[in-house]
Protein backbone atom coordinates (compact mmCIF):
# COMPACT_ATOMS: atom_id res chain seq x y z
CA MET A 1 -17.79 11.44 24.62
CA SER A 2 -15.53 8.45 25.24
CA GLN A 3 -11.96 8.67 23.75
CA TRP A 4 -11.30 6.42 20.20
CA ILE A 5 -7.53 6.52 20.39
CA ASP A 6 -4.68 7.17 23.31
CA PHE A 7 -1.42 6.84 21.94
CA GLN A 8 -0.15 6.55 25.43
CA VAL A 9 -1.50 2.64 25.23
CA SER A 10 0.65 2.42 22.21
CA LEU A 11 3.61 4.11 22.41
CA PRO A 12 5.64 1.35 23.52
CA GLN A 13 5.05 -0.43 20.47
CA ARG A 14 6.88 2.85 18.36
CA ASN A 15 10.00 1.74 20.35
CA LEU A 16 10.29 -1.73 18.92
CA THR A 17 13.32 -1.74 16.90
CA ILE A 18 12.80 -4.20 14.19
CA GLU A 19 16.24 -5.52 12.04
CA LEU A 20 15.62 -6.24 8.29
CA ASP A 21 15.11 -9.95 8.85
CA ARG A 22 16.96 -12.86 6.74
CA ASP A 23 14.25 -12.67 3.46
CA GLN A 24 14.60 -8.78 3.44
CA THR A 25 18.23 -9.15 3.79
CA PHE A 26 18.16 -11.33 1.07
CA SER A 27 16.13 -9.67 -1.41
CA LYS A 28 18.22 -6.01 -0.79
CA ASN A 29 21.48 -7.52 -1.87
CA PHE A 30 20.08 -9.62 -4.89
CA ASN A 31 22.96 -8.92 -7.93
CA PRO A 32 22.49 -5.32 -9.18
CA LYS A 33 21.95 -6.82 -12.49
CA GLY A 34 18.92 -8.82 -13.67
CA PHE A 35 15.20 -8.87 -12.78
CA ALA A 36 13.69 -9.10 -9.41
CA LEU A 37 10.94 -9.29 -7.96
CA ILE A 38 9.39 -9.10 -4.10
CA ARG A 39 5.57 -10.14 -3.66
CA GLY A 40 4.60 -9.09 -0.54
CA VAL A 41 1.66 -9.05 1.70
CA ALA A 42 0.54 -5.43 3.41
CA GLY A 43 3.06 -3.90 5.98
CA SER A 44 5.68 -6.51 5.23
CA GLY A 45 8.84 -4.14 4.56
CA LYS A 46 8.37 -4.26 0.43
CA SER A 47 8.90 -0.47 0.26
CA LEU A 48 11.56 -0.43 2.77
CA VAL A 49 13.42 -2.64 0.91
CA LEU A 50 13.18 -1.10 -2.27
CA ARG A 51 14.54 2.09 -0.46
CA GLN A 52 17.86 -0.14 0.72
CA ARG A 53 18.13 -1.46 -2.65
CA VAL A 54 17.65 2.00 -3.78
CA GLU A 55 21.17 2.76 -1.62
CA ALA A 56 23.04 -0.34 -3.25
CA LEU A 57 22.50 0.35 -6.63
CA VAL A 58 23.68 4.03 -6.57
CA LYS A 59 26.74 2.85 -5.57
CA GLU A 60 27.03 0.74 -8.95
CA PHE A 61 25.24 2.81 -11.82
CA ASP A 62 24.86 6.26 -12.31
CA THR A 63 21.15 6.45 -14.10
CA VAL A 64 18.84 5.12 -11.45
CA LEU A 65 14.78 5.39 -11.88
CA VAL A 66 12.40 4.86 -9.10
CA LEU A 67 8.79 5.25 -9.95
CA CYS A 68 5.32 4.52 -7.85
CA TYR A 69 1.95 5.09 -8.54
CA ASN A 70 0.62 7.77 -6.32
CA ARG A 71 1.96 11.09 -5.41
CA PHE A 72 2.28 10.18 -1.35
CA MET A 73 4.29 7.02 -1.92
CA LYS A 74 6.41 9.64 -3.95
CA GLU A 75 6.72 11.81 -1.41
CA TRP A 76 7.44 8.84 1.33
CA ILE A 77 10.05 7.56 -1.25
CA ASP A 78 11.77 11.16 -1.86
CA THR A 79 12.01 11.71 2.00
CA THR A 80 13.83 8.33 3.15
CA LEU A 81 16.30 8.93 0.20
CA ALA A 82 17.06 12.21 1.35
CA GLN A 83 17.42 11.37 4.80
CA LYS A 84 20.46 8.77 3.37
CA ASN A 85 21.40 11.92 0.97
CA LEU A 86 20.41 10.09 -2.03
CA LYS A 87 17.98 12.15 -3.27
CA THR A 88 19.99 13.83 -6.08
CA LYS A 89 21.37 10.69 -7.11
CA VAL A 90 18.01 8.69 -8.55
CA ASP A 91 14.95 10.07 -10.28
CA CYS A 92 11.91 9.52 -7.97
CA LEU A 93 8.67 10.41 -9.68
CA THR A 94 4.95 8.95 -10.35
CA PHE A 95 4.58 6.89 -13.45
CA HIS A 96 2.03 9.60 -14.88
CA ARG A 97 4.49 12.44 -13.67
CA TRP A 98 7.98 10.38 -15.41
CA ALA A 99 5.71 9.59 -18.74
CA GLY A 100 4.04 12.78 -19.45
CA ASN A 101 7.63 14.68 -18.73
CA SER A 102 9.63 12.12 -20.86
CA LEU A 103 6.98 10.77 -23.41
CA LYS A 104 4.37 13.37 -23.67
CA TYR A 105 2.31 10.78 -22.04
CA LYS A 106 -1.35 11.88 -21.14
CA TYR A 107 -3.09 10.75 -18.23
CA ASP A 108 -6.46 9.83 -20.31
CA TRP A 109 -4.74 7.23 -22.33
CA ASP A 110 -5.01 5.13 -19.35
CA ASN A 111 -8.55 4.25 -20.52
CA GLU A 112 -8.05 1.95 -23.11
CA ALA A 113 -5.51 -0.69 -24.29
CA HIS A 114 -4.82 0.83 -27.58
CA THR A 115 -3.93 4.27 -26.05
CA ARG A 116 -1.81 2.74 -23.59
CA ARG A 117 0.03 0.86 -26.34
CA GLN A 118 1.00 4.18 -27.68
CA LEU A 119 3.46 4.37 -24.85
CA ILE A 120 5.64 1.56 -25.96
CA SER A 121 6.62 2.82 -29.30
CA LEU A 122 7.03 6.20 -27.54
CA ALA A 123 9.90 5.15 -25.03
CA LYS A 124 11.48 2.72 -27.72
CA LYS A 125 11.77 6.04 -29.73
CA SER A 126 12.79 8.44 -26.67
CA GLY A 127 16.15 7.99 -26.52
CA LEU A 128 16.27 7.03 -22.85
CA GLN A 129 18.21 4.50 -21.16
CA TYR A 130 17.92 4.35 -17.33
CA GLU A 131 20.53 1.41 -16.07
CA ALA A 132 18.57 0.50 -13.20
CA ILE A 133 14.70 1.04 -12.79
CA LEU A 134 12.86 0.39 -9.26
CA VAL A 135 8.85 -0.04 -9.32
CA ASP A 136 6.93 0.12 -5.88
CA GLU A 137 2.97 -1.12 -5.84
CA ALA A 138 3.85 -2.80 -9.28
CA GLN A 139 0.37 -4.64 -8.95
CA ASP A 140 -1.25 -0.72 -9.83
CA PHE A 141 0.92 -0.53 -12.84
CA TYR A 142 -0.55 -1.67 -16.75
CA ASP A 143 1.12 -4.09 -18.40
CA GLU A 144 2.01 -1.27 -21.16
CA TRP A 145 3.74 0.43 -18.63
CA PHE A 146 5.84 -2.33 -17.86
CA GLN A 147 6.75 -3.07 -21.69
CA ALA A 148 7.26 0.65 -22.05
CA LEU A 149 9.95 0.49 -19.37
CA LEU A 150 11.66 -2.54 -20.85
CA GLN A 151 12.38 0.19 -23.84
CA VAL A 152 13.91 2.30 -21.41
CA LEU A 153 15.95 -0.13 -19.39
CA ASP A 154 19.77 -1.16 -20.33
CA PRO A 155 19.72 -4.31 -22.25
CA GLN A 156 23.29 -4.93 -20.48
CA THR A 157 21.92 -4.46 -16.42
CA GLN A 158 18.37 -5.49 -16.68
CA SER A 159 18.37 -3.91 -13.72
CA LEU A 160 13.91 -3.60 -12.87
CA PHE A 161 13.39 -4.62 -9.36
CA PHE A 162 10.16 -4.48 -8.42
CA VAL A 163 7.32 -4.92 -5.42
CA TYR A 164 4.02 -5.64 -5.35
CA ASP A 165 0.70 -6.87 -3.47
CA ASN A 166 -2.08 -8.19 -5.57
CA THR A 167 -4.63 -8.43 -2.63
CA GLN A 168 -4.22 -4.32 -2.26
CA ALA A 169 -5.36 -4.11 -6.81
CA VAL A 170 -7.65 -1.21 -6.16
CA TYR A 171 -6.99 -0.15 -9.86
CA GLY A 172 -7.75 -3.13 -12.31
CA GLN A 173 -5.11 -5.68 -13.78
CA PRO A 174 -7.47 -8.70 -12.51
CA HIS A 175 -5.73 -10.90 -15.51
CA ARG A 176 -2.59 -10.68 -13.10
CA ARG A 177 -4.66 -12.50 -10.32
CA HIS A 178 -5.13 -15.89 -11.82
CA SER A 179 -3.20 -18.39 -11.12
CA ASN A 180 -1.91 -19.16 -14.97
CA TRP A 181 -0.42 -15.87 -15.44
CA THR A 182 3.29 -15.16 -15.40
CA TRP A 183 5.47 -11.70 -15.60
CA LYS A 184 6.95 -13.89 -18.29
CA SER A 185 4.24 -12.95 -20.71
CA LEU A 186 5.25 -9.10 -20.73
CA GLY A 187 9.13 -10.17 -21.85
CA ILE A 188 9.90 -10.32 -17.61
CA GLU A 189 11.65 -13.30 -17.07
CA ILE A 190 12.54 -13.85 -13.30
CA PRO A 191 15.81 -15.96 -13.08
CA GLY A 192 15.88 -18.61 -10.04
CA GLY A 193 16.37 -17.05 -6.58
CA ARG A 194 15.83 -13.59 -7.61
CA SER A 195 11.98 -13.61 -6.82
CA GLN A 196 11.23 -13.52 -3.23
CA VAL A 197 7.75 -13.79 -1.00
CA PHE A 198 7.41 -11.77 2.23
CA ASP A 199 4.51 -13.22 4.44
CA LEU A 200 5.15 -11.39 7.59
CA ASN A 201 3.19 -8.47 8.46
CA TYR A 202 5.53 -6.32 10.77
CA ARG A 203 3.28 -2.96 10.44
CA ASN A 204 0.24 -3.78 12.00
CA SER A 205 -0.76 -4.67 15.47
CA PRO A 206 -2.24 -8.33 15.09
CA GLU A 207 -5.55 -7.54 16.01
CA ILE A 208 -5.62 -5.09 12.89
CA ILE A 209 -4.04 -7.54 10.36
CA GLU A 210 -6.40 -10.32 11.45
CA LEU A 211 -9.40 -8.00 11.27
CA ALA A 212 -8.63 -6.38 7.66
CA TRP A 213 -7.35 -10.13 6.50
CA GLN A 214 -11.21 -12.06 7.63
CA PHE A 215 -13.10 -8.96 6.17
CA MET A 216 -10.72 -9.16 2.77
CA LEU A 217 -10.79 -13.28 2.65
CA PRO A 218 -14.27 -13.81 1.47
CA ALA A 219 -14.07 -11.31 -1.49
CA LEU A 220 -10.78 -12.97 -2.43
CA GLN A 221 -12.93 -16.12 -2.50
CA LYS A 222 -15.77 -14.98 -4.43
CA ALA A 223 -13.28 -13.42 -7.02
CA GLY A 224 -12.16 -16.99 -7.47
CA MET A 225 -8.58 -16.15 -6.59
CA LYS A 226 -6.36 -18.76 -5.03
CA VAL A 227 -4.69 -18.11 -1.65
CA GLU A 228 -1.82 -19.95 -0.27
CA GLN A 229 0.43 -19.67 2.73
CA ARG A 230 4.18 -19.92 2.48
CA SER A 231 4.17 -22.95 4.54
CA ARG A 232 7.27 -24.31 6.64
CA ASP A 233 8.30 -27.31 8.31
CA ALA A 234 9.11 -27.92 12.29
CA GLU A 235 12.31 -26.17 11.80
CA GLY A 236 11.48 -23.06 9.94
CA LYS A 237 12.37 -24.44 6.55
CA ILE A 238 10.35 -23.03 3.60
CA ILE A 239 8.40 -25.80 2.12
CA ASN A 240 6.13 -24.14 -0.39
CA THR A 241 5.89 -20.84 -1.81
CA PRO A 242 2.65 -19.47 -2.93
CA LYS A 243 2.57 -19.19 -6.81
CA ILE A 244 2.62 -16.16 -9.44
CA GLY A 245 -0.97 -15.76 -9.65
CA SER A 246 -1.55 -17.13 -5.98
CA ILE A 247 -2.62 -14.69 -2.81
CA ILE A 248 -0.31 -14.78 -0.12
CA GLU A 249 -1.91 -15.42 3.43
CA PRO A 250 -0.48 -13.04 5.89
CA ARG A 251 1.67 -13.86 9.15
CA LYS A 252 0.77 -11.70 12.18
CA LYS A 253 3.92 -10.55 14.53
CA SER A 254 2.41 -10.96 18.51
CA SER A 255 4.91 -8.81 19.63
CA ARG A 256 3.21 -5.58 17.81
CA SER A 257 0.36 -6.20 20.03
CA GLY A 258 -0.59 -3.54 22.35
CA LYS A 259 -4.02 -5.09 23.13
CA VAL A 260 -6.03 -2.30 21.14
CA THR A 261 -9.07 -3.50 19.82
CA PRO A 262 -10.46 -2.06 16.46
CA LEU A 263 -13.60 -0.19 17.10
CA LEU A 264 -16.22 -0.09 14.73
CA ILE A 265 -18.81 2.87 15.38
CA GLN A 266 -22.51 3.95 14.06
CA MET A 267 -23.14 7.55 13.78
CA ALA A 268 -25.20 9.53 12.00
CA TYR A 269 -22.91 10.75 8.56
CA ASN A 270 -23.69 14.26 9.36
CA ASP A 271 -22.15 13.75 12.63
CA MET A 272 -19.15 12.42 11.51
CA ALA A 273 -16.97 15.49 10.82
CA LEU A 274 -17.22 17.02 13.67
CA GLN A 275 -16.47 14.11 15.90
CA ILE A 276 -13.66 12.81 14.09
CA ALA A 277 -12.29 16.31 14.59
CA GLN A 278 -12.64 16.37 18.24
CA GLN A 279 -11.45 12.99 18.45
CA VAL A 280 -8.59 13.52 16.39
CA LYS A 281 -7.74 16.37 19.00
CA LEU A 282 -8.04 14.20 22.39
CA ALA A 283 -5.91 11.51 20.35
CA LEU A 284 -3.12 14.59 19.90
CA GLU A 285 -3.16 15.24 23.37
CA SER A 286 -2.57 11.63 24.74
CA HIS A 287 0.46 12.38 22.46
CA SER A 288 0.83 15.39 19.74
CA GLU A 289 3.52 13.71 17.77
CA SER A 290 1.36 11.08 15.98
CA SER A 291 0.29 10.60 13.00
CA ILE A 292 -3.40 10.08 12.34
CA GLY A 293 -4.90 9.06 8.58
CA ILE A 294 -8.47 10.01 7.92
CA LEU A 295 -9.18 7.74 5.23
CA LEU A 296 -12.08 7.78 2.91
CA HIS A 297 -14.16 5.87 0.04
CA PRO A 298 -13.12 7.92 -3.25
CA SER A 299 -16.78 9.17 -3.56
CA GLN A 300 -16.80 10.64 -0.34
CA THR A 301 -15.67 14.23 -1.24
CA ASP A 302 -18.39 16.51 0.63
CA LEU A 303 -17.36 14.43 4.02
CA LYS A 304 -13.64 15.01 2.99
CA GLN A 305 -14.20 18.93 2.74
CA ALA A 306 -16.27 19.20 6.04
CA ILE A 307 -13.77 17.24 7.95
CA SER A 308 -10.96 19.18 7.10
CA GLN A 309 -13.42 22.53 7.82
CA GLU A 310 -13.73 21.25 11.49
CA LEU A 311 -10.44 20.54 11.77
CA LYS A 312 -9.53 24.15 10.77
CA LEU A 313 -11.70 25.24 13.39
CA LEU A 314 -10.30 23.30 15.84
CA GLY A 315 -6.65 24.78 14.65
CA ILE A 316 -5.23 21.60 13.76
CA ALA A 317 -2.78 21.23 11.05
CA HIS A 318 -3.38 18.63 8.65
CA ASN A 319 -3.81 18.06 4.70
CA ALA A 320 -6.78 17.17 2.76
CA PRO A 321 -5.79 17.72 -0.61
CA LYS A 322 -8.05 18.98 -3.38
CA SER A 323 -6.64 17.83 -6.18
CA SER A 324 -3.73 15.35 -6.96
CA THR A 325 -1.12 18.04 -7.13
CA GLU A 326 -1.89 19.15 -3.67
CA ARG A 327 -0.93 15.32 -2.54
CA GLN A 328 2.67 16.27 -1.41
CA GLY A 329 4.50 17.03 1.56
CA ASN A 330 5.81 15.22 5.03
CA VAL A 331 4.22 11.83 5.61
CA VAL A 332 6.90 10.69 6.99
CA ASN A 333 8.23 12.76 9.98
CA ARG A 334 5.62 12.83 12.94
CA PRO A 335 3.10 14.75 13.96
CA TYR A 336 1.38 14.77 10.38
CA ILE A 337 -2.55 14.34 9.92
CA VAL A 338 -3.94 13.40 6.64
CA VAL A 339 -7.33 13.57 5.14
CA ASP A 340 -7.82 11.61 1.94
CA SER A 341 -9.14 8.90 -0.25
CA TRP A 342 -7.68 5.61 0.76
CA ASN A 343 -6.34 5.37 -2.77
CA ALA A 344 -4.43 7.98 -2.89
CA LEU A 345 -3.16 6.93 0.62
CA LYS A 346 -1.81 3.32 -0.40
CA GLY A 347 1.86 2.44 0.93
CA VAL A 348 1.62 5.11 3.79
CA GLU A 349 1.00 4.32 7.28
CA PHE A 350 0.24 6.18 10.46
CA ASP A 351 -0.52 5.81 14.52
CA ALA A 352 -4.08 5.84 13.74
CA VAL A 353 -6.41 5.33 10.96
CA ILE A 354 -9.81 6.75 11.37
CA ILE A 355 -12.10 5.41 8.31
CA PRO A 356 -15.40 7.06 7.90
CA GLY A 357 -18.60 5.87 5.86
CA CYS A 358 -17.18 2.09 5.53
CA ASP A 359 -21.32 1.51 4.74
CA PHE A 360 -20.01 3.69 1.20
CA LEU A 361 -18.50 0.33 0.37
CA LYS A 362 -20.66 -1.24 -2.87
CA GLU A 363 -21.43 -4.64 -4.05
CA TYR A 364 -21.69 -5.60 -7.76
CA PRO A 365 -23.13 -9.01 -8.03
CA GLU A 366 -22.78 -8.92 -11.60
CA ASP A 367 -18.68 -7.63 -11.78
CA ARG A 368 -16.72 -9.30 -9.46
CA ASP A 369 -13.93 -7.21 -10.46
CA ARG A 370 -15.08 -4.34 -9.89
CA GLU A 371 -16.81 -5.33 -6.38
CA PHE A 372 -12.87 -6.56 -5.73
CA GLN A 373 -11.50 -3.50 -6.32
CA GLU A 374 -14.20 -2.07 -3.74
CA TYR A 375 -13.06 -4.60 -1.06
CA ALA A 376 -9.71 -4.10 -1.70
CA GLY A 377 -10.06 -0.61 -1.01
CA LEU A 378 -11.09 -0.93 2.24
CA TYR A 379 -8.42 -3.67 3.21
CA THR A 380 -5.68 -1.37 2.08
CA ALA A 381 -7.09 1.57 3.98
CA MET A 382 -7.13 -0.74 7.16
CA THR A 383 -3.88 -1.89 6.60
CA ARG A 384 -2.19 1.94 6.87
CA ALA A 385 -2.96 1.67 10.53
CA ARG A 386 -0.09 0.65 12.87
CA ASP A 387 -1.93 0.48 16.27
CA HIS A 388 -4.85 2.22 16.65
CA LEU A 389 -8.17 1.76 13.68
CA VAL A 390 -11.57 3.33 14.41
CA LEU A 391 -14.05 2.42 11.62
CA LEU A 392 -17.37 4.25 11.14
CA TYR A 393 -20.74 3.70 9.42
CA GLN A 394 -24.20 5.06 9.62
CA GLU A 395 -26.45 2.11 8.29
CA GLU A 396 -26.39 -1.78 8.54
CA ASN A 397 -25.65 -3.25 5.55
CA ALA A 398 -23.71 -6.19 4.11
CA ILE A 399 -20.30 -4.74 4.37
CA ILE A 400 -20.98 -3.70 8.31
CA GLU A 401 -22.24 -7.39 8.75
CA ARG A 402 -18.94 -8.71 7.40
CA LEU A 403 -16.81 -6.09 9.48
CA GLU A 404 -19.17 -7.13 12.56
CA GLN A 405 -18.28 -10.95 12.04
CA ALA A 406 -14.56 -10.36 11.18
CA LEU A 407 -14.08 -8.62 14.55
CA THR A 408 -15.96 -11.36 16.53
CA ALA A 409 -13.96 -14.31 14.17
CA GLU A 410 -11.57 -17.00 15.97
CA PRO A 411 -8.15 -16.06 14.78
CA VAL A 412 -6.82 -17.62 11.65
CA LEU A 413 -3.52 -16.18 10.90
CA GLN A 414 -0.49 -17.98 11.79
CA THR A 415 1.41 -16.53 14.55
CA GLU A 416 4.99 -15.33 15.26
CA ALA A 417 6.23 -14.03 18.28
């Protein structure tokens, strides 16, 4: 059995020291008061800057609220804040947990706009007030959620800071992907100089981000979404910034390359669980202090359980949550192995990612927004991988053909050393 993942090959990449770049430093140091946002491509440091923004805000304010969409991302933020002794100084929660605890919001209210609107009046009547609110993965927050947050934000500070990437929008909000949409329609007016774009991908090897982008680009075009580069002149000065409704084309970093090519492997669906477990064992034998994410289509609960069972038989510690309440624990300090839906792991990164059953992705010719969300899910899963990416499938279909084409296509993304 050939080995899919050899961490010895990519270890030098882990030792690279990357300081905050000019755009990231500028954003971290925004004036504490006032609305501010970051639009950034996958792996561009949005969440890192949000955490550093928290470090700055706790020096200015006593009541700071940090919100995200999924529990694993909440755990990542919690852990990184704890490393800076900041965990007790902020409230860090998923939106549903915060709204449920503070406003008695119910999860199923998400399904209809009229029930979500109840949240706005509940927030207004709550008497809550935060001097600063920060939101990660804001592309997944409903409009009504933002409108509710404005009701509990101190009007004297208006310190709302949020980061997002519409390419990773797997939970809807299609209206925000149109070029004529603005945050002003929600009452969030961003002053000049407080909106920043991060277009340089630091997380992924250039081989991985190139594959992910070339896979995703046709879906963006089919959805009628405008893609723009953040253009620069010969001296590096910005001459064009993509509009709010546009998708930002990522740039890749050549120094992140470990010369590891992503793998696309065909095998029987019933063989995947055992093969994956055996390959995880081999990978950890190459370097045990590593992280591996096994990310599945949200519908693949049977395969998730089967993979977890095979890992247990091999004595490999891992987290395979059976419910949302079990989505907790370490996703920062190696080693850690997670088996879960790719939607549940948005924002998290791994040294290696295995994605079984890529052919499970569905096409919806009559519903382009739903189809976009399917493709965005796989794109998001691929961009969780720092150095190693393994894609598995059983049956050839249009999705697999697109992946094959993306793997062999000429590079299109701009490169920075």
